Each structure stands twice: as C-alpha cells, then as structure tokens.
Amino acid sequence: MEDANPNELDYPKRVRRTYSKVFRARVVALAEAGTMSVAQIALDNRINANQLRRWMSEAHPVKANQKMLPVSVADIPAEVSVTTASTVVMELTICGSAIRIHHTWDPQAVATLIRSLQ
C-alpha cells in the first residue's frame, strides 16, 4: 500500500468559535466577583481559562506608564495585636530578595523606597 500524501487527505476544516460581547462581559463579571475560580468558570462555560484571563485583561487594560510590583500579604496571627503602624513588621520580596522593615518605620520613607524600586 502506498503512503497517502497528507495534502490529499480530507481533513475537517477547523472552525474558530466566536463569542458575543455580552457573553464575554458576563463571564468576566463572574470571574471578577471572586466567588469561583477562573478555571472553574472557564470549564463551566466551555472555554479555555487562558482565553478568559485574556478577556479579563482586555476589560481592564493596564496603562503603559503603570508598573506593577508583585506583592504578597501574610495574615497576622490572631494572638498578635497591632496597636499602631509603627509596630508592624513589613516584608517586601522583590526578585527573590526580601527586605524586612522591623519596629519603627516611617510610612513616607517606605513609600519612597517602593517608588524607587519601580
């Protein structure tokens, strides 16, 4: 038997799905509500999670001059009571390096530090 030429085979034509603006807005609103994960919303609506994330970013584009810094917030244990901002321990993790600010700190100095890291 001869090998068939792949160009001669009759492959079904791939058809791209299209979604209305109303559908996109509804799904993005569900994702932004935060009651379900983006992955679950995507599965429930038979779309790819990456597609949903793209729609979310298109709905709220970041301005070109705006830079985002990764920030993680840790919960304070219930037994620790914070009375003033000067007793809070702050930790910034940037590119794998941690900056810890203990005891008394000036909020404006920290804001200046963060702005300089952008």
PDB file of N, CA and C in Angstrom:
ATOM      1  N   MET A   1       0.842  -1.176   0.000  1.00  0.00           N
ATOM      2  CA  MET A   1       0.000   0.000   0.000  1.00  0.00           C
ATOM      3  C   MET A   1       0.877   1.225   0.000  1.00  0.00           C
ATOM      4  N   GLU A   2       0.539   2.178  -0.813  1.00  0.00           N
ATOM      5  CA  GLU A   2       1.315   3.403  -0.898  1.00  0.00           C
ATOM      6  C   GLU A   2       0.968   4.336   0.248  1.00  0.00           C
ATOM      7  N   ASP A   3       1.986   5.103   0.655  1.00  0.00           N
ATOM      8  CA  ASP A   3       1.723   6.124   1.677  1.00  0.00           C
ATOM      9  C   ASP A   3       0.890   7.235   1.067  1.00  0.00           C
ATOM     10  N   ALA A   4      -0.131   7.591   1.774  1.00  0.00           N
ATOM     11  CA  ALA A   4      -1.015   8.653   1.278  1.00  0.00           C
ATOM     12  C   ALA A   4      -0.333   9.994   1.484  1.00  0.00           C
ATOM     13  N   ASN A   5      -0.479  10.856   0.524  1.00  0.00           N
ATOM     14  CA  ASN A   5       0.054  12.211   0.632  1.00  0.00           C
ATOM     15  C   ASN A   5      -0.839  12.987   1.595  1.00  0.00           C
ATOM     16  N   PRO A   6      -0.241  13.583   2.686  1.00  0.00           N
ATOM     17  CA  PRO A   6      -1.085  14.296   3.651  1.00  0.00           C
ATOM     18  C   PRO A   6      -1.876  15.429   3.021  1.00  0.00           C
ATOM     19  N   ASN A   7      -1.381  15.979   1.923  1.00  0.00           N
ATOM     20  CA  ASN A   7      -2.103  17.061   1.266  1.00  0.00           C
ATOM     21  C   ASN A   7      -3.355  16.563   0.558  1.00  0.00           C
ATOM     22  N   GLU A   8      -3.387  15.281   0.270  1.00  0.00           N
ATOM     23  CA  GLU A   8      -4.524  14.729  -0.444  1.00  0.00           C
ATOM     24  C   GLU A   8      -5.610  14.215   0.493  1.00  0.00           C
ATOM     25  N   LEU A   9      -5.295  14.086   1.801  1.00  0.00           N
ATOM     26  CA  LEU A   9      -6.299  13.603   2.740  1.00  0.00           C
ATOM     27  C   LEU A   9      -7.338  14.680   2.982  1.00  0.00           C
ATOM     28  N   ASP A  10      -8.510  14.233   3.286  1.00  0.00           N
ATOM     29  CA  ASP A  10      -9.607  15.169   3.513  1.00  0.00           C
ATOM     30  C   ASP A  10      -9.756  15.421   5.012  1.00  0.00           C
ATOM     31  N   TYR A  11      -9.044  16.450   5.510  1.00  0.00           N
ATOM     32  CA  TYR A  11      -9.129  16.820   6.915  1.00  0.00           C
ATOM     33  C   TYR A  11     -10.301  17.772   7.121  1.00  0.00           C
ATOM     34  N   PRO A  12     -10.990  17.621   8.250  1.00  0.00           N
ATOM     35  CA  PRO A  12     -12.069  18.584   8.519  1.00  0.00           C
ATOM     36  C   PRO A  12     -11.472  19.965   8.783  1.00  0.00           C
ATOM     37  N   LYS A  13     -12.121  20.962   8.284  1.00  0.00           N
ATOM     38  CA  LYS A  13     -11.646  22.323   8.456  1.00  0.00           C
ATOM     39  C   LYS A  13     -11.911  22.772   9.887  1.00  0.00           C
ATOM     40  N   ARG A  14     -10.885  23.386  10.505  1.00  0.00           N
ATOM     41  CA  ARG A  14     -11.029  23.871  11.877  1.00  0.00           C
ATOM     42  C   ARG A  14     -11.852  25.161  11.852  1.00  0.00           C
ATOM     43  N   VAL A  15     -12.834  25.213  12.708  1.00  0.00           N
ATOM     44  CA  VAL A  15     -13.695  26.378  12.773  1.00  0.00           C
ATOM     45  C   VAL A  15     -13.468  27.057  14.122  1.00  0.00           C
ATOM     46  N   ARG A  16     -13.123  28.326  14.093  1.00  0.00           N
ATOM     47  CA  ARG A  16     -12.940  29.069  15.334  1.00  0.00           C
ATOM     48  C   ARG A  16     -14.292  29.493  15.880  1.00  0.00           C
ATOM     49  N   ARG A  17     -14.410  29.361  17.181  1.00  0.00           N
ATOM     50  CA  ARG A  17     -15.647  29.785  17.821  1.00  0.00           C
ATOM     51  C   ARG A  17     -15.591  31.286  18.064  1.00  0.00           C
ATOM     52  N   THR A  18     -16.724  31.925  17.999  1.00  0.00           N
ATOM     53  CA  THR A  18     -16.792  33.347  18.307  1.00  0.00           C
ATOM     54  C   THR A  18     -17.772  33.531  19.453  1.00  0.00           C
ATOM     55  N   TYR A  19     -17.507  34.529  20.264  1.00  0.00           N
ATOM     56  CA  TYR A  19     -18.331  34.782  21.445  1.00  0.00           C
ATOM     57  C   TYR A  19     -18.811  36.232  21.404  1.00  0.00           C
ATOM     58  N   SER A  20     -20.039  36.428  21.780  1.00  0.00           N
ATOM     59  CA  SER A  20     -20.591  37.782  21.757  1.00  0.00           C
ATOM     60  C   SER A  20     -19.995  38.611  22.888  1.00  0.00           C
ATOM     61  N   LYS A  21     -20.091  39.927  22.742  1.00  0.00           N
ATOM     62  CA  LYS A  21     -19.600  40.837  23.778  1.00  0.00           C
ATOM     63  C   LYS A  21     -20.370  40.653  25.076  1.00  0.00           C
ATOM     64  N   VAL A  22     -21.644  40.335  24.966  1.00  0.00           N
ATOM     65  CA  VAL A  22     -22.476  40.111  26.149  1.00  0.00           C
ATOM     66  C   VAL A  22     -21.987  38.875  26.913  1.00  0.00           C
ATOM     67  N   PHE A  23     -21.700  37.790  26.179  1.00  0.00           N
ATOM     68  CA  PHE A  23     -21.194  36.570  26.806  1.00  0.00           C
ATOM     69  C   PHE A  23     -19.861  36.838  27.492  1.00  0.00           C
ATOM     70  N   ARG A  24     -18.958  37.521  26.787  1.00  0.00           N
ATOM     71  CA  ARG A  24     -17.644  37.837  27.363  1.00  0.00           C
ATOM     72  C   ARG A  24     -17.790  38.658  28.638  1.00  0.00           C
ATOM     73  N   ALA A  25     -18.642  39.685  28.581  1.00  0.00           N
ATOM     74  CA  ALA A  25     -18.831  40.558  29.742  1.00  0.00           C
ATOM     75  C   ALA A  25     -19.405  39.777  30.920  1.00  0.00           C
ATOM     76  N   ARG A  26     -20.332  38.866  30.644  1.00  0.00           N
ATOM     77  CA  ARG A  26     -20.946  38.076  31.714  1.00  0.00           C
ATOM     78  C   ARG A  26     -19.919  37.158  32.371  1.00  0.00           C
ATOM     79  N   VAL A  27     -19.092  36.499  31.562  1.00  0.00           N
ATOM     80  CA  VAL A  27     -18.093  35.573  32.087  1.00  0.00           C
ATOM     81  C   VAL A  27     -17.001  36.333  32.851  1.00  0.00           C
ATOM     82  N   VAL A  28     -16.574  37.481  32.332  1.00  0.00           N
ATOM     83  CA  VAL A  28     -15.574  38.300  33.024  1.00  0.00           C
ATOM     84  C   VAL A  28     -16.130  38.786  34.358  1.00  0.00           C
ATOM     85  N   ALA A  29     -17.381  39.186  34.379  1.00  0.00           N
ATOM     86  CA  ALA A  29     -18.006  39.635  35.626  1.00  0.00           C
ATOM     87  C   ALA A  29     -18.047  38.515  36.653  1.00  0.00           C
ATOM     88  N   LEU A  30     -18.349  37.296  36.206  1.00  0.00           N
ATOM     89  CA  LEU A  30     -18.341  36.151  37.114  1.00  0.00           C
ATOM     90  C   LEU A  30     -16.950  35.933  37.708  1.00  0.00           C
ATOM     91  N   ALA A  31     -15.932  36.035  36.861  1.00  0.00           N
ATOM     92  CA  ALA A  31     -14.563  35.816  37.322  1.00  0.00           C
ATOM     93  C   ALA A  31     -14.125  36.906  38.294  1.00  0.00           C
ATOM     94  N   GLU A  32     -14.521  38.134  38.036  1.00  0.00           N
ATOM     95  CA  GLU A  32     -14.119  39.252  38.889  1.00  0.00           C
ATOM     96  C   GLU A  32     -14.895  39.274  40.203  1.00  0.00           C
ATOM     97  N   ALA A  33     -16.021  38.583  40.263  1.00  0.00           N
ATOM     98  CA  ALA A  33     -16.791  38.535  41.503  1.00  0.00           C
ATOM     99  C   ALA A  33     -16.027  37.798  42.594  1.00  0.00           C
ATOM    100  N   GLY A  34     -15.174  36.859  42.198  1.00  0.00           N
ATOM    101  CA  GLY A  34     -14.338  36.157  43.151  1.00  0.00           C
ATOM    102  C   GLY A  34     -15.017  35.027  43.902  1.00  0.00           C
ATOM    103  N   THR A  35     -16.206  34.648  43.502  1.00  0.00           N
ATOM    104  CA  THR A  35     -16.898  33.564  44.201  1.00  0.00           C
ATOM    105  C   THR A  35     -16.463  32.186  43.701  1.00  0.00           C
ATOM    106  N   MET A  36     -15.907  32.131  42.488  1.00  0.00           N
ATOM    107  CA  MET A  36     -15.429  30.884  41.898  1.00  0.00           C
ATOM    108  C   MET A  36     -14.074  31.143  41.261  1.00  0.00           C
ATOM    109  N   SER A  37     -13.311  30.084  41.054  1.00  0.00           N
ATOM    110  CA  SER A  37     -12.006  30.238  40.410  1.00  0.00           C
ATOM    111  C   SER A  37     -12.202  30.492  38.913  1.00  0.00           C
ATOM    112  N   VAL A  38     -11.204  31.125  38.319  1.00  0.00           N
ATOM    113  CA  VAL A  38     -11.241  31.400  36.882  1.00  0.00           C
ATOM    114  C   VAL A  38     -11.307  30.079  36.116  1.00  0.00           C
ATOM    115  N   ALA A  39     -10.558  29.094  36.573  1.00  0.00           N
ATOM    116  CA  ALA A  39     -10.551  27.790  35.898  1.00  0.00           C
ATOM    117  C   ALA A  39     -11.937  27.148  35.925  1.00  0.00           C
ATOM    118  N   GLN A  40     -12.627  27.221  37.058  1.00  0.00           N
ATOM    119  CA  GLN A  40     -13.961  26.618  37.160  1.00  0.00           C
ATOM    120  C   GLN A  40     -14.971  27.340  36.278  1.00  0.00           C
ATOM    121  N   ILE A  41     -14.900  28.666  36.245  1.00  0.00           N
ATOM    122  CA  ILE A  41     -15.804  29.440  35.393  1.00  0.00           C
ATOM    123  C   ILE A  41     -15.566  29.090  33.933  1.00  0.00           C
ATOM    124  N   ALA A  42     -14.284  28.956  33.563  1.00  0.00           N
ATOM    125  CA  ALA A  42     -13.955  28.595  32.181  1.00  0.00           C
ATOM    126  C   ALA A  42     -14.507  27.215  31.844  1.00  0.00           C
ATOM    127  N   LEU A  43     -14.325  26.250  32.735  1.00  0.00           N
ATOM    128  CA  LEU A  43     -14.850  24.899  32.487  1.00  0.00           C
ATOM    129  C   LEU A  43     -16.367  24.911  32.350  1.00  0.00           C
ATOM    130  N   ASP A  44     -17.025  25.625  33.247  1.00  0.00           N
ATOM    131  CA  ASP A  44     -18.487  25.679  33.214  1.00  0.00           C
ATOM    132  C   ASP A  44     -19.019  26.292  31.931  1.00  0.00           C
ATOM    133  N   ASN A  45     -18.246  27.203  31.334  1.00  0.00           N
ATOM    134  CA  ASN A  45     -18.689  27.887  30.116  1.00  0.00           C
ATOM    135  C   ASN A  45     -18.021  27.347  28.856  1.00  0.00           C
ATOM    136  N   ARG A  46     -17.302  26.225  29.003  1.00  0.00           N
ATOM    137  CA  ARG A  46     -16.673  25.526  27.879  1.00  0.00           C
ATOM    138  C   ARG A  46     -15.723  26.411  27.087  1.00  0.00           C
ATOM    139  N   ILE A  47     -14.892  27.163  27.836  1.00  0.00           N
ATOM    140  CA  ILE A  47     -13.842  27.962  27.207  1.00  0.00           C
ATOM    141  C   ILE A  47     -12.527  27.671  27.917  1.00  0.00           C
ATOM    142  N   ASN A  48     -11.435  28.055  27.309  1.00  0.00           N
ATOM    143  CA  ASN A  48     -10.123  27.861  27.902  1.00  0.00           C
ATOM    144  C   ASN A  48      -9.882  28.935  28.965  1.00  0.00           C
ATOM    145  N   ALA A  49      -9.265  28.547  30.072  1.00  0.00           N
ATOM    146  CA  ALA A  49      -9.004  29.504  31.151  1.00  0.00           C
ATOM    147  C   ALA A  49      -8.098  30.639  30.680  1.00  0.00           C
ATOM    148  N   ASN A  50      -7.153  30.333  29.796  1.00  0.00           N
ATOM    149  CA  ASN A  50      -6.277  31.388  29.264  1.00  0.00           C
ATOM    150  C   ASN A  50      -7.073  32.410  28.455  1.00  0.00           C
ATOM    151  N   GLN A  51      -8.078  31.942  27.743  1.00  0.00           N
ATOM    152  CA  GLN A  51      -8.928  32.853  26.981  1.00  0.00           C
ATOM    153  C   GLN A  51      -9.678  33.780  27.921  1.00  0.00           C
ATOM    154  N   LEU A  52     -10.202  33.224  29.007  1.00  0.00           N
ATOM    155  CA  LEU A  52     -10.922  34.040  29.985  1.00  0.00           C
ATOM    156  C   LEU A  52      -9.993  35.071  30.615  1.00  0.00           C
ATOM    157  N   ARG A  53      -8.779  34.665  30.956  1.00  0.00           N
ATOM    158  CA  ARG A  53      -7.814  35.625  31.527  1.00  0.00           C
ATOM    159  C   ARG A  53      -7.492  36.732  30.531  1.00  0.00           C
ATOM    160  N   ARG A  54      -7.415  36.399  29.251  1.00  0.00           N
ATOM    161  CA  ARG A  54      -7.166  37.420  28.228  1.00  0.00           C
ATOM    162  C   ARG A  54      -8.324  38.400  28.168  1.00  0.00           C
ATOM    163  N   TRP A  55      -9.546  37.886  28.216  1.00  0.00           N
ATOM    164  CA  TRP A  55     -10.711  38.768  28.210  1.00  0.00           C
ATOM    165  C   TRP A  55     -10.712  39.674  29.436  1.00  0.00           C
ATOM    166  N   MET A  56     -10.296  39.134  30.585  1.00  0.00           N
ATOM    167  CA  MET A  56     -10.239  39.943  31.809  1.00  0.00           C
ATOM    168  C   MET A  56      -9.225  41.076  31.666  1.00  0.00           C
ATOM    169  N   SER A  57      -8.070  40.772  31.084  1.00  0.00           N
ATOM    170  CA  SER A  57      -7.058  41.821  30.912  1.00  0.00           C
ATOM    171  C   SER A  57      -7.492  42.835  29.860  1.00  0.00           C
ATOM    172  N   GLU A  58      -8.220  42.392  28.853  1.00  0.00           N
ATOM    173  CA  GLU A  58      -8.725  43.326  27.847  1.00  0.00           C
ATOM    174  C   GLU A  58      -9.804  44.233  28.428  1.00  0.00           C
ATOM    175  N   ALA A  59     -10.558  43.720  29.392  1.00  0.00           N
ATOM    176  CA  ALA A  59     -11.618  44.523  30.015  1.00  0.00           C
ATOM    177  C   ALA A  59     -11.036  45.627  30.886  1.00  0.00           C
ATOM    178  N   HIS A  60      -9.861  45.383  31.457  1.00  0.00           N
ATOM    179  CA  HIS A  60      -9.213  46.362  32.340  1.00  0.00           C
ATOM    180  C   HIS A  60      -7.743  46.481  31.968  1.00  0.00           C
ATOM    181  N   PRO A  61      -7.437  47.139  30.855  1.00  0.00           N
ATOM    182  CA  PRO A  61      -6.032  47.219  30.435  1.00  0.00           C
ATOM    183  C   PRO A  61      -5.206  48.059  31.405  1.00  0.00           C
ATOM    184  N   VAL A  62      -3.954  47.659  31.604  1.00  0.00           N
ATOM    185  CA  VAL A  62      -3.026  48.411  32.441  1.00  0.00           C
ATOM    186  C   VAL A  62      -2.433  49.503  31.576  1.00  0.00           C
ATOM    187  N   LYS A  63      -2.400  50.709  32.106  1.00  0.00           N
ATOM    188  CA  LYS A  63      -1.848  51.819  31.355  1.00  0.00           C
ATOM    189  C   LYS A  63      -0.364  51.590  31.120  1.00  0.00           C
ATOM    190  N   ALA A  64       0.149  52.095  30.005  1.00  0.00           N
ATOM    191  CA  ALA A  64       1.537  51.863  29.625  1.00  0.00           C
ATOM    192  C   ALA A  64       2.516  52.409  30.657  1.00  0.00           C
ATOM    193  N   ASN A  65       2.181  53.517  31.303  1.00  0.00           N
ATOM    194  CA  ASN A  65       3.101  54.113  32.264  1.00  0.00           C
ATOM    195  C   ASN A  65       2.946  53.535  33.663  1.00  0.00           C
ATOM    196  N   GLN A  66       2.041  52.595  33.832  1.00  0.00           N
ATOM    197  CA  GLN A  66       1.783  51.983  35.123  1.00  0.00           C
ATOM    198  C   GLN A  66       2.611  50.715  35.246  1.00  0.00           C
ATOM    199  N   LYS A  67       3.368  50.585  36.335  1.00  0.00           N
ATOM    200  CA  LYS A  67       4.155  49.390  36.561  1.00  0.00           C
ATOM    201  C   LYS A  67       3.576  48.644  37.747  1.00  0.00           C
ATOM    202  N   MET A  68       3.600  47.335  37.655  1.00  0.00           N
ATOM    203  CA  MET A  68       3.062  46.506  38.721  1.00  0.00           C
ATOM    204  C   MET A  68       4.211  45.830  39.450  1.00  0.00           C
ATOM    205  N   LEU A  69       4.163  45.849  40.772  1.00  0.00           N
ATOM    206  CA  LEU A  69       5.125  45.129  41.594  1.00  0.00           C
ATOM    207  C   LEU A  69       4.409  43.950  42.235  1.00  0.00           C
ATOM    208  N   PRO A  70       5.048  42.766  42.269  1.00  0.00           N
ATOM    209  CA  PRO A  70       4.406  41.636  42.937  1.00  0.00           C
ATOM    210  C   PRO A  70       4.408  41.861  44.450  1.00  0.00           C
ATOM    211  N   VAL A  71       3.261  41.712  45.056  1.00  0.00           N
ATOM    212  CA  VAL A  71       3.122  41.923  46.497  1.00  0.00           C
ATOM    213  C   VAL A  71       2.378  40.734  47.081  1.00  0.00           C
ATOM    214  N   SER A  72       2.902  40.201  48.163  1.00  0.00           N
ATOM    215  CA  SER A  72       2.180  39.148  48.867  1.00  0.00           C
ATOM    216  C   SER A  72       1.909  39.619  50.284  1.00  0.00           C
ATOM    217  N   VAL A  73       0.707  39.344  50.763  1.00  0.00           N
ATOM    218  CA  VAL A  73       0.289  39.790  52.085  1.00  0.00           C
ATOM    219  C   VAL A  73       0.073  38.559  52.947  1.00  0.00           C
ATOM    220  N   ALA A  74       0.745  38.517  54.088  1.00  0.00           N
ATOM    221  CA  ALA A  74       0.593  37.406  55.014  1.00  0.00           C
ATOM    222  C   ALA A  74      -0.378  37.803  56.109  1.00  0.00           C
ATOM    223  N   ASP A  75      -1.175  36.853  56.548  1.00  0.00           N
ATOM    224  CA  ASP A  75      -2.107  37.107  57.639  1.00  0.00           C
ATOM    225  C   ASP A  75      -1.335  37.261  58.953  1.00  0.00           C
ATOM    226  N   ILE A  76      -1.785  38.174  59.790  1.00  0.00           N
ATOM    227  CA  ILE A  76      -1.194  38.340  61.114  1.00  0.00           C
ATOM    228  C   ILE A  76      -1.882  37.342  62.034  1.00  0.00           C
ATOM    229  N   PRO A  77      -1.113  36.540  62.804  1.00  0.00           N
ATOM    230  CA  PRO A  77      -1.740  35.580  63.716  1.00  0.00           C
ATOM    231  C   PRO A  77      -2.700  36.276  64.681  1.00  0.00           C
ATOM    232  N   ALA A  78      -3.751  35.579  65.074  1.00  0.00           N
ATOM    233  CA  ALA A  78      -4.789  36.167  65.924  1.00  0.00           C
ATOM    234  C   ALA A  78      -4.255  36.603  67.273  1.00  0.00           C
ATOM    235  N   GLU A  79      -3.213  35.924  67.802  1.00  0.00           N
ATOM    236  CA  GLU A  79      -2.720  36.273  69.123  1.00  0.00           C
ATOM    237  C   GLU A  79      -1.875  37.541  69.123  1.00  0.00           C
ATOM    238  N   VAL A  80      -1.494  38.042  67.970  1.00  0.00           N
ATOM    239  CA  VAL A  80      -0.703  39.265  67.894  1.00  0.00           C
ATOM    240  C   VAL A  80      -1.661  40.429  67.710  1.00  0.00           C
ATOM    241  N   SER A  81      -1.565  41.417  68.571  1.00  0.00           N
ATOM    242  CA  SER A  81      -2.411  42.595  68.421  1.00  0.00           C
ATOM    243  C   SER A  81      -1.538  43.763  67.981  1.00  0.00           C
ATOM    244  N   VAL A  82      -1.970  44.424  66.948  1.00  0.00           N
ATOM    245  CA  VAL A  82      -1.239  45.561  66.417  1.00  0.00           C
ATOM    246  C   VAL A  82      -1.928  46.818  66.917  1.00  0.00           C
ATOM    247  N   THR A  83      -1.161  47.654  67.641  1.00  0.00           N
ATOM    248  CA  THR A  83      -1.765  48.857  68.197  1.00  0.00           C
ATOM    249  C   THR A  83      -1.514  50.075  67.328  1.00  0.00           C
ATOM    250  N   THR A  84      -0.324  50.173  66.763  1.00  0.00           N
ATOM    251  CA  THR A  84      -0.013  51.301  65.888  1.00  0.00           C
ATOM    252  C   THR A  84       0.751  50.791  64.682  1.00  0.00           C
ATOM    253  N   ALA A  85       0.808  51.614  63.658  1.00  0.00           N
ATOM    254  CA  ALA A  85       1.519  51.228  62.436  1.00  0.00           C
ATOM    255  C   ALA A  85       3.015  51.078  62.693  1.00  0.00           C
ATOM    256  N   SER A  86       3.526  51.708  63.726  1.00  0.00           N
ATOM    257  CA  SER A  86       4.964  51.665  63.968  1.00  0.00           C
ATOM    258  C   SER A  86       5.426  50.309  64.493  1.00  0.00           C
ATOM    259  N   THR A  87       4.516  49.420  64.928  1.00  0.00           N
ATOM    260  CA  THR A  87       4.915  48.110  65.444  1.00  0.00           C
ATOM    261  C   THR A  87       4.790  47.008  64.399  1.00  0.00           C
ATOM    262  N   VAL A  88       4.333  47.316  63.231  1.00  0.00           N
ATOM    263  CA  VAL A  88       4.119  46.315  62.195  1.00  0.00           C
ATOM    264  C   VAL A  88       5.452  45.936  61.560  1.00  0.00           C
ATOM    265  N   VAL A  89       5.630  44.656  61.314  1.00  0.00           N
ATOM    266  CA  VAL A  89       6.795  44.181  60.585  1.00  0.00           C
ATOM    267  C   VAL A  89       6.370  44.025  59.131  1.00  0.00           C
ATOM    268  N   MET A  90       7.095  44.665  58.246  1.00  0.00           N
ATOM    269  CA  MET A  90       6.760  44.634  56.826  1.00  0.00           C
ATOM    270  C   MET A  90       7.850  43.873  56.088  1.00  0.00           C
ATOM    271  N   GLU A  91       7.452  43.035  55.129  1.00  0.00           N
ATOM    272  CA  GLU A  91       8.410  42.308  54.314  1.00  0.00           C
ATOM    273  C   GLU A  91       8.062  42.488  52.849  1.00  0.00           C
ATOM    274  N   LEU A  92       9.031  42.934  52.064  1.00  0.00           N
ATOM    275  CA  LEU A  92       8.869  43.083  50.622  1.00  0.00           C
ATOM    276  C   LEU A  92       9.782  42.064  49.957  1.00  0.00           C
ATOM    277  N   THR A  93       9.248  41.247  49.062  1.00  0.00           N
ATOM    278  CA  THR A  93      10.054  40.288  48.326  1.00  0.00           C
ATOM    279  C   THR A  93      10.102  40.740  46.872  1.00  0.00           C
ATOM    280  N   ILE A  94      11.304  41.054  46.416  1.00  0.00           N
ATOM    281  CA  ILE A  94      11.490  41.560  45.059  1.00  0.00           C
ATOM    282  C   ILE A  94      12.586  40.746  44.401  1.00  0.00           C
ATOM    283  N   CYS A  95      12.244  40.086  43.302  1.00  0.00           N
ATOM    284  CA  CYS A  95      13.198  39.273  42.539  1.00  0.00           C
ATOM    285  C   CYS A  95      13.916  38.269  43.433  1.00  0.00           C
ATOM    286  N   GLY A  96      13.209  37.662  44.357  1.00  0.00           N
ATOM    287  CA  GLY A  96      13.795  36.650  45.221  1.00  0.00           C
ATOM    288  C   GLY A  96      14.517  37.184  46.445  1.00  0.00           C
ATOM    289  N   SER A  97      14.685  38.489  46.555  1.00  0.00           N
ATOM    290  CA  SER A  97      15.335  39.085  47.720  1.00  0.00           C
ATOM    291  C   SER A  97      14.277  39.698  48.619  1.00  0.00           C
ATOM    292  N   ALA A  98      14.436  39.509  49.925  1.00  0.00           N
ATOM    293  CA  ALA A  98      13.462  40.019  50.880  1.00  0.00           C
ATOM    294  C   ALA A  98      14.017  41.230  51.609  1.00  0.00           C
ATOM    295  N   ILE A  99      13.181  42.238  51.762  1.00  0.00           N
ATOM    296  CA  ILE A  99      13.506  43.423  52.552  1.00  0.00           C
ATOM    297  C   ILE A  99      12.532  43.415  53.721  1.00  0.00           C
ATOM    298  N   ARG A 100      13.061  43.327  54.940  1.00  0.00           N
ATOM    299  CA  ARG A 100      12.221  43.327  56.140  1.00  0.00           C
ATOM    300  C   ARG A 100      12.404  44.644  56.878  1.00  0.00           C
ATOM    301  N   ILE A 101      11.306  45.268  57.220  1.00  0.00           N
ATOM    302  CA  ILE A 101      11.323  46.530  57.953  1.00  0.00           C
ATOM    303  C   ILE A 101      10.686  46.253  59.304  1.00  0.00           C
ATOM    304  N   HIS A 102      11.487  46.326  60.369  1.00  0.00           N
ATOM    305  CA  HIS A 102      11.044  45.991  61.718  1.00  0.00           C
ATOM    306  C   HIS A 102      10.804  47.245  62.550  1.00  0.00           C
ATOM    307  N   HIS A 103      10.013  47.065  63.573  1.00  0.00           N
ATOM    308  CA  HIS A 103       9.778  48.052  64.621  1.00  0.00           C
ATOM    309  C   HIS A 103       9.307  49.384  64.054  1.00  0.00           C
ATOM    310  N   THR A 104       9.983  50.451  64.391  1.00  0.00           N
ATOM    311  CA  THR A 104       9.504  51.765  63.952  1.00  0.00           C
ATOM    312  C   THR A 104       9.934  52.011  62.511  1.00  0.00           C
ATOM    313  N   TRP A 105       9.020  52.513  61.733  1.00  0.00           N
ATOM    314  CA  TRP A 105       9.321  52.854  60.355  1.00  0.00           C
ATOM    315  C   TRP A 105       8.458  54.026  59.950  1.00  0.00           C
ATOM    316  N   ASP A 106       8.975  54.806  59.044  1.00  0.00           N
ATOM    317  CA  ASP A 106       8.277  55.987  58.543  1.00  0.00           C
ATOM    318  C   ASP A 106       7.525  55.592  57.275  1.00  0.00           C
ATOM    319  N   PRO A 107       6.198  55.667  57.265  1.00  0.00           N
ATOM    320  CA  PRO A 107       5.431  55.258  56.074  1.00  0.00           C
ATOM    321  C   PRO A 107       5.845  56.001  54.809  1.00  0.00           C
ATOM    322  N   GLN A 108       6.191  57.284  54.924  1.00  0.00           N
ATOM    323  CA  GLN A 108       6.606  58.026  53.731  1.00  0.00           C
ATOM    324  C   GLN A 108       7.954  57.532  53.218  1.00  0.00           C
ATOM    325  N   ALA A 109       8.840  57.133  54.131  1.00  0.00           N
ATOM    326  CA  ALA A 109      10.133  56.595  53.704  1.00  0.00           C
ATOM    327  C   ALA A 109       9.944  55.265  52.981  1.00  0.00           C
ATOM    328  N   VAL A 110       9.022  54.434  53.470  1.00  0.00           N
ATOM    329  CA  VAL A 110       8.742  53.162  52.810  1.00  0.00           C
ATOM    330  C   VAL A 110       8.122  53.403  51.441  1.00  0.00           C
ATOM    331  N   ALA A 111       7.204  54.359  51.352  1.00  0.00           N
ATOM    332  CA  ALA A 111       6.593  54.691  50.056  1.00  0.00           C
ATOM    333  C   ALA A 111       7.655  55.168  49.075  1.00  0.00           C
ATOM    334  N   THR A 112       8.597  55.979  49.541  1.00  0.00           N
ATOM    335  CA  THR A 112       9.693  56.447  48.685  1.00  0.00           C
ATOM    336  C   THR A 112      10.548  55.273  48.229  1.00  0.00           C
ATOM    337  N   LEU A 113      10.828  54.332  49.142  1.00  0.00           N
ATOM    338  CA  LEU A 113      11.598  53.145  48.794  1.00  0.00           C
ATOM    339  C   LEU A 113      10.893  52.342  47.699  1.00  0.00           C
ATOM    340  N   ILE A 114       9.601  52.126  47.870  1.00  0.00           N
ATOM    341  CA  ILE A 114       8.848  51.347  46.879  1.00  0.00           C
ATOM    342  C   ILE A 114       8.833  52.054  45.526  1.00  0.00           C
ATOM    343  N   ARG A 115       8.626  53.374  45.538  1.00  0.00           N
ATOM    344  CA  ARG A 115       8.632  54.124  44.271  1.00  0.00           C
ATOM    345  C   ARG A 115       9.985  54.041  43.586  1.00  0.00           C
ATOM    346  N   SER A 116      11.073  54.037  44.362  1.00  0.00           N
ATOM    347  CA  SER A 116      12.398  53.976  43.758  1.00  0.00           C
ATOM    348  C   SER A 116      12.682  52.614  43.150  1.00  0.00           C
ATOM    349  N   LEU A 117      11.997  51.564  43.629  1.00  0.00           N
ATOM    350  CA  LEU A 117      12.201  50.226  43.094  1.00  0.00           C
ATOM    351  C   LEU A 117      11.453  50.002  41.783  1.00  0.00           C
ATOM    352  N   GLN A 118      10.514  50.874  41.467  1.00  0.00           N
ATOM    353  CA  GLN A 118       9.745  50.712  40.222  1.00  0.00           C
ATOM    354  C   GLN A 118      10.639  51.001  39.103  1.00  0.00           C
TER     355      GLN A 118
END
